[in-house]
Amino acid sequence: MISRIEENSNMSAIPVTKASSIQERLHNARFMKEINPFYLRALNKDLDDLENVEPDISFALRGLLLAYQGDLESLKYWNKAIALNSSAEHYYNFGVCCNVLGDHIQALSHFRSALELSKTNTGILHLLRSTFSNFYAYDESKIIVETLNRLEKKSYPFYEDKIFAKFFGSNSQLMLEFGLGTLSVISKHIPFKWILHKEDGLIEDRHYSINIVKCLNNDDVERVAECNAELSEFIVDFEEKHELNLENLYITCEATE
């Protein structure tokens, strides 16, 4: 997550520097069940060297590495990076790491900070566009689409508008609560670093949101199936609790190699 700004990676917004080779190796580490000790030692050595030149980026990359390992020490390094450089890029990536670690409330806070600092930064705005969509964060998504349309003189689609009115009675807080609930269910079964991207679609009056999950073995595939079962239960319970009609709203995960 530290970028070249990669579409659908959900992971990156730090400008290209001499740290780019470290970033490439971190991208590979993301998809390792366990990071090889020699690989890890070499990464840490290079991060130590980078700290003498670009300390905030070194701290950010180390925070990313630790998040991929599920280590809460990641937060300490992100706080160091933010203290040195409170950029939109750092806040965005801090949010991604919080998502990876399963703290979606804190992630949302950092993404909002990134949005506040990205009034004209279209690269970050495009990353945040998909990010806030994952949260079903209507208010932030609307701001981003309107800002991008103005800055780039385009007309980007805003499909959340239909979801907002049709499923959630034009209640943005309720819609956000739903989004946070789905993220919580998913993270119980699937580490977020394994989610490659999300695909949204509309067929007639049915809205589909599919999280594409990288799976390495049958156990991973079983976890995806378990996740889908709990997502279905969550949607039914949320529908009943808030007296909504979510019959045509489908949130699922799909395994891929």
Protein backbone atom coordinates (compact mmCIF):
# COMPACT_ATOMS: atom_id res chain seq x y z
CA MET A 1 0.00 0.00 0.00
CA ILE A 2 2.35 2.54 -0.76
CA SER A 3 2.05 3.64 -4.23
CA ARG A 4 2.40 3.97 -7.68
CA ILE A 5 -1.27 4.13 -7.02
CA GLU A 6 -2.51 0.71 -8.04
CA GLU A 7 -6.14 0.31 -8.97
CA ASN A 8 -7.99 -2.39 -7.04
CA SER A 9 -5.00 -3.16 -4.82
CA ASN A 10 -6.70 -1.44 -1.85
CA MET A 11 -3.17 -0.98 -0.71
CA SER A 12 -1.09 1.93 -1.78
CA ALA A 13 -0.56 5.61 -2.01
CA ILE A 14 3.06 6.48 -1.31
CA PRO A 15 4.85 8.15 -4.22
CA VAL A 16 7.57 6.25 -6.10
CA THR A 17 10.97 6.72 -4.46
CA LYS A 18 14.07 4.62 -3.87
CA ALA A 19 11.73 2.66 -1.59
CA SER A 20 9.93 1.24 -4.64
CA SER A 21 11.98 -1.97 -4.64
CA ILE A 22 11.06 -2.53 -0.98
CA GLN A 23 7.44 -1.92 -1.87
CA GLU A 24 7.58 -4.57 -4.59
CA ARG A 25 8.87 -7.12 -2.10
CA LEU A 26 6.22 -6.10 0.41
CA HIS A 27 3.60 -6.71 -2.25
CA ASN A 28 4.93 -10.26 -2.58
CA ALA A 29 4.96 -10.66 1.22
CA ARG A 30 1.28 -9.73 1.31
CA PHE A 31 0.39 -13.07 -0.29
CA MET A 32 2.61 -15.28 1.85
CA LYS A 33 1.00 -17.41 4.55
CA GLU A 34 4.23 -17.01 6.49
CA ILE A 35 7.06 -14.72 5.45
CA ASN A 36 10.33 -16.56 4.94
CA PRO A 37 12.75 -15.57 7.76
CA PHE A 38 15.56 -14.74 5.29
CA TYR A 39 13.16 -12.67 3.19
CA LEU A 40 11.98 -10.88 6.32
CA ARG A 41 15.51 -10.23 7.57
CA ALA A 42 16.52 -8.67 4.25
CA LEU A 43 13.42 -6.47 4.23
CA ASN A 44 14.06 -5.22 7.75
CA LYS A 45 17.70 -4.49 6.90
CA ASP A 46 16.66 -2.40 3.90
CA LEU A 47 14.03 -0.60 5.99
CA ASP A 48 16.71 0.25 8.57
CA ASP A 49 18.85 1.74 5.79
CA LEU A 50 15.91 3.67 4.34
CA GLU A 51 15.15 5.17 7.74
CA ASN A 52 18.38 7.18 7.49
CA VAL A 53 17.24 8.74 4.21
CA GLU A 54 13.43 8.89 4.24
CA PRO A 55 12.33 8.07 7.78
CA ASP A 56 8.59 8.64 7.34
CA ILE A 57 8.45 6.28 4.36
CA SER A 58 10.57 3.73 6.21
CA PHE A 59 8.16 3.84 9.17
CA ALA A 60 5.17 3.59 6.82
CA LEU A 61 6.57 0.59 4.96
CA ARG A 62 7.50 -1.13 8.21
CA GLY A 63 3.97 -0.49 9.46
CA LEU A 64 2.65 -2.14 6.31
CA LEU A 65 4.94 -5.15 6.73
CA LEU A 66 3.83 -5.62 10.33
CA ALA A 67 0.17 -5.30 9.37
CA TYR A 68 0.62 -8.08 6.81
CA GLN A 69 1.91 -10.20 9.68
CA GLY A 70 -1.08 -9.30 11.86
CA ASP A 71 1.19 -7.46 14.31
CA LEU A 72 -0.31 -4.49 16.17
CA GLU A 73 3.17 -2.96 16.38
CA SER A 74 2.22 -1.69 12.94
CA LEU A 75 0.24 1.12 14.60
CA LYS A 76 3.31 2.42 16.42
CA TYR A 77 5.22 2.85 13.17
CA TRP A 78 2.29 4.48 11.43
CA ASN A 79 1.99 7.00 14.23
CA LYS A 80 5.69 7.77 13.77
CA ALA A 81 5.20 8.22 10.02
CA ILE A 82 2.21 10.56 10.56
CA ALA A 83 4.16 12.57 13.14
CA LEU A 84 6.85 13.25 10.53
CA ASN A 85 4.54 13.73 7.56
CA SER A 86 0.78 14.01 8.02
CA SER A 87 0.06 13.57 4.32
CA ALA A 88 -3.08 12.26 2.68
CA GLU A 89 -1.04 9.33 1.39
CA HIS A 90 0.07 8.31 4.87
CA TYR A 91 -3.42 8.63 6.31
CA TYR A 92 -4.81 6.55 3.46
CA ASN A 93 -2.27 3.79 3.97
CA PHE A 94 -2.67 3.92 7.74
CA GLY A 95 -6.37 3.31 7.15
CA VAL A 96 -5.63 0.36 4.88
CA CYS A 97 -3.42 -1.19 7.54
CA CYS A 98 -6.14 -0.73 10.16
CA ASN A 99 -8.51 -2.55 7.80
CA VAL A 100 -5.98 -5.36 7.42
CA LEU A 101 -5.74 -5.57 11.22
CA GLY A 102 -9.55 -5.67 11.51
CA ASP A 103 -10.13 -2.25 13.09
CA HIS A 104 -12.60 -0.80 10.60
CA ILE A 105 -13.76 2.07 12.80
CA GLN A 106 -10.21 3.39 13.10
CA ALA A 107 -9.64 2.76 9.41
CA LEU A 108 -12.68 4.88 8.56
CA SER A 109 -11.31 7.73 10.70
CA HIS A 110 -7.98 7.69 8.84
CA PHE A 111 -9.70 7.53 5.45
CA ARG A 112 -11.73 10.58 6.42
CA SER A 113 -8.50 12.39 7.33
CA ALA A 114 -7.08 11.44 3.94
CA LEU A 115 -10.19 12.83 2.23
CA GLU A 116 -9.92 16.10 4.16
CA LEU A 117 -6.34 16.48 2.88
CA SER A 118 -7.15 15.52 -0.72
CA LYS A 119 -9.15 18.43 -2.04
CA THR A 120 -7.35 18.34 -5.40
CA ASN A 121 -5.34 15.09 -5.17
CA THR A 122 -7.17 13.02 -7.77
CA GLY A 123 -4.90 9.99 -7.28
CA ILE A 124 -5.90 9.63 -3.64
CA LEU A 125 -9.51 10.55 -4.41
CA HIS A 126 -9.79 7.64 -6.83
CA LEU A 127 -8.39 5.27 -4.19
CA LEU A 128 -10.80 6.64 -1.62
CA ARG A 129 -13.68 6.27 -4.07
CA SER A 130 -13.52 2.48 -3.91
CA THR A 131 -12.56 2.52 -0.23
CA PHE A 132 -15.61 4.45 0.96
CA SER A 133 -17.77 2.35 -1.33
CA ASN A 134 -16.62 -0.72 0.62
CA PHE A 135 -17.87 0.97 3.80
CA TYR A 136 -21.20 1.92 2.19
CA ALA A 137 -20.25 5.44 3.24
CA TYR A 138 -22.74 7.43 1.19
CA ASP A 139 -21.80 10.94 2.33
CA GLU A 140 -18.08 10.58 1.63
CA SER A 141 -18.68 8.75 -1.66
CA LYS A 142 -20.92 11.57 -2.86
CA ILE A 143 -18.29 14.20 -2.00
CA ILE A 144 -15.62 12.26 -3.89
CA VAL A 145 -17.70 11.71 -7.03
CA GLU A 146 -18.73 15.38 -7.16
CA THR A 147 -15.12 16.49 -6.60
CA LEU A 148 -13.71 14.18 -9.28
CA ASN A 149 -16.39 15.26 -11.75
CA ARG A 150 -15.46 18.87 -11.15
CA LEU A 151 -11.68 18.40 -11.24
CA GLU A 152 -11.55 16.00 -14.19
CA LYS A 153 -14.58 17.40 -16.03
CA LYS A 154 -16.14 13.95 -16.27
CA SER A 155 -19.35 12.32 -15.16
CA TYR A 156 -18.48 9.35 -12.96
CA PRO A 157 -21.33 7.02 -12.01
CA PHE A 158 -22.68 7.19 -8.49
CA TYR A 159 -24.51 3.90 -8.05
CA GLU A 160 -24.70 4.35 -4.26
CA ASP A 161 -27.49 6.85 -4.89
CA LYS A 162 -29.86 4.03 -5.89
CA ILE A 163 -28.76 1.80 -3.01
CA PHE A 164 -29.16 4.72 -0.61
CA ALA A 165 -32.77 5.39 -1.61
CA LYS A 166 -33.95 1.87 -2.40
CA PHE A 167 -32.50 -0.17 0.47
CA PHE A 168 -31.75 2.26 3.29
CA GLY A 169 -34.54 4.82 3.09
CA SER A 170 -32.08 7.64 2.32
CA ASN A 171 -30.48 7.20 5.76
CA SER A 172 -26.71 7.52 5.35
CA GLN A 173 -25.91 6.55 8.95
CA LEU A 174 -27.93 3.36 8.61
CA MET A 175 -26.19 2.58 5.33
CA LEU A 176 -22.78 3.10 6.96
CA GLU A 177 -23.76 0.88 9.90
CA PHE A 178 -24.62 -1.83 7.39
CA GLY A 179 -21.28 -1.43 5.63
CA LEU A 180 -19.31 -1.62 8.87
CA GLY A 181 -21.29 -4.72 9.81
CA THR A 182 -20.44 -6.51 6.57
CA LEU A 183 -16.76 -5.62 6.94
CA SER A 184 -16.78 -6.98 10.47
CA VAL A 185 -18.27 -10.28 9.31
CA ILE A 186 -15.80 -10.62 6.45
CA SER A 187 -12.76 -9.91 8.63
CA LYS A 188 -13.80 -12.67 11.05
CA HIS A 189 -13.24 -15.20 8.29
CA ILE A 190 -10.90 -13.63 5.76
CA PRO A 191 -7.84 -11.47 6.44
CA PHE A 192 -8.29 -8.31 4.39
CA LYS A 193 -4.88 -8.63 2.78
CA TRP A 194 -6.31 -11.56 0.78
CA ILE A 195 -9.13 -9.50 -0.75
CA LEU A 196 -7.95 -8.47 -4.21
CA HIS A 197 -10.81 -6.15 -5.13
CA LYS A 198 -14.57 -5.73 -5.11
CA GLU A 199 -16.90 -5.97 -8.08
CA ASP A 200 -20.28 -4.24 -8.04
CA GLY A 201 -23.07 -4.84 -10.49
CA LEU A 202 -26.76 -4.27 -11.10
CA ILE A 203 -28.95 -6.87 -12.81
CA GLU A 204 -32.49 -5.61 -13.22
CA ASP A 205 -33.38 -4.56 -9.66
CA ARG A 206 -30.75 -6.71 -7.92
CA HIS A 207 -27.52 -5.19 -6.66
CA TYR A 208 -24.48 -7.45 -6.36
CA SER A 209 -21.29 -6.69 -4.44
CA ILE A 210 -18.65 -9.43 -4.76
CA ASN A 211 -15.34 -9.46 -2.88
CA ILE A 212 -12.72 -11.38 -4.88
CA VAL A 213 -10.56 -13.35 -2.45
CA LYS A 214 -7.18 -14.92 -3.23
CA CYS A 215 -7.19 -18.52 -1.98
CA LEU A 216 -4.15 -20.80 -1.78
CA ASN A 217 -5.76 -24.03 -0.57
CA ASN A 218 -9.04 -25.77 0.25
CA ASP A 219 -9.07 -24.37 3.78
CA ASP A 220 -9.15 -20.86 2.33
CA VAL A 221 -12.06 -21.80 0.07
CA GLU A 222 -13.96 -23.23 3.06
CA ARG A 223 -13.47 -19.97 4.96
CA VAL A 224 -14.98 -18.08 2.03
CA ALA A 225 -18.03 -20.36 2.14
CA GLU A 226 -18.35 -19.87 5.92
CA CYS A 227 -18.07 -16.12 5.44
CA ASN A 228 -20.85 -16.10 2.85
CA ALA A 229 -23.13 -18.05 5.18
CA GLU A 230 -22.60 -15.54 7.99
CA LEU A 231 -23.02 -12.58 5.62
CA SER A 232 -26.43 -13.94 4.62
CA GLU A 233 -27.42 -14.24 8.27
CA PHE A 234 -26.18 -10.73 9.00
CA ILE A 235 -28.19 -9.22 6.15
CA VAL A 236 -31.39 -10.97 7.27
CA ASP A 237 -30.87 -9.88 10.89
CA PHE A 238 -30.09 -6.28 9.86
CA GLU A 239 -33.16 -6.22 7.64
CA GLU A 240 -35.42 -7.38 10.45
CA LYS A 241 -33.86 -5.12 13.10
CA HIS A 242 -34.27 -1.95 11.03
CA GLU A 243 -37.46 -2.97 9.18
CA LEU A 244 -35.85 -2.77 5.76
CA ASN A 245 -36.26 -4.73 2.55
CA LEU A 246 -32.81 -6.00 1.54
CA GLU A 247 -34.08 -8.94 -0.49
CA ASN A 248 -32.33 -7.75 -3.66
CA LEU A 249 -29.05 -6.72 -2.04
CA TYR A 250 -26.39 -9.44 -2.35
CA ILE A 251 -23.02 -9.20 -0.56
CA THR A 252 -20.72 -12.18 -1.12
CA CYS A 253 -17.11 -13.30 -1.37
CA GLU A 254 -15.74 -15.32 -4.26
CA ALA A 255 -12.60 -17.46 -4.23
CA THR A 256 -9.93 -17.15 -6.89
CA GLU A 257 -6.40 -18.47 -7.28
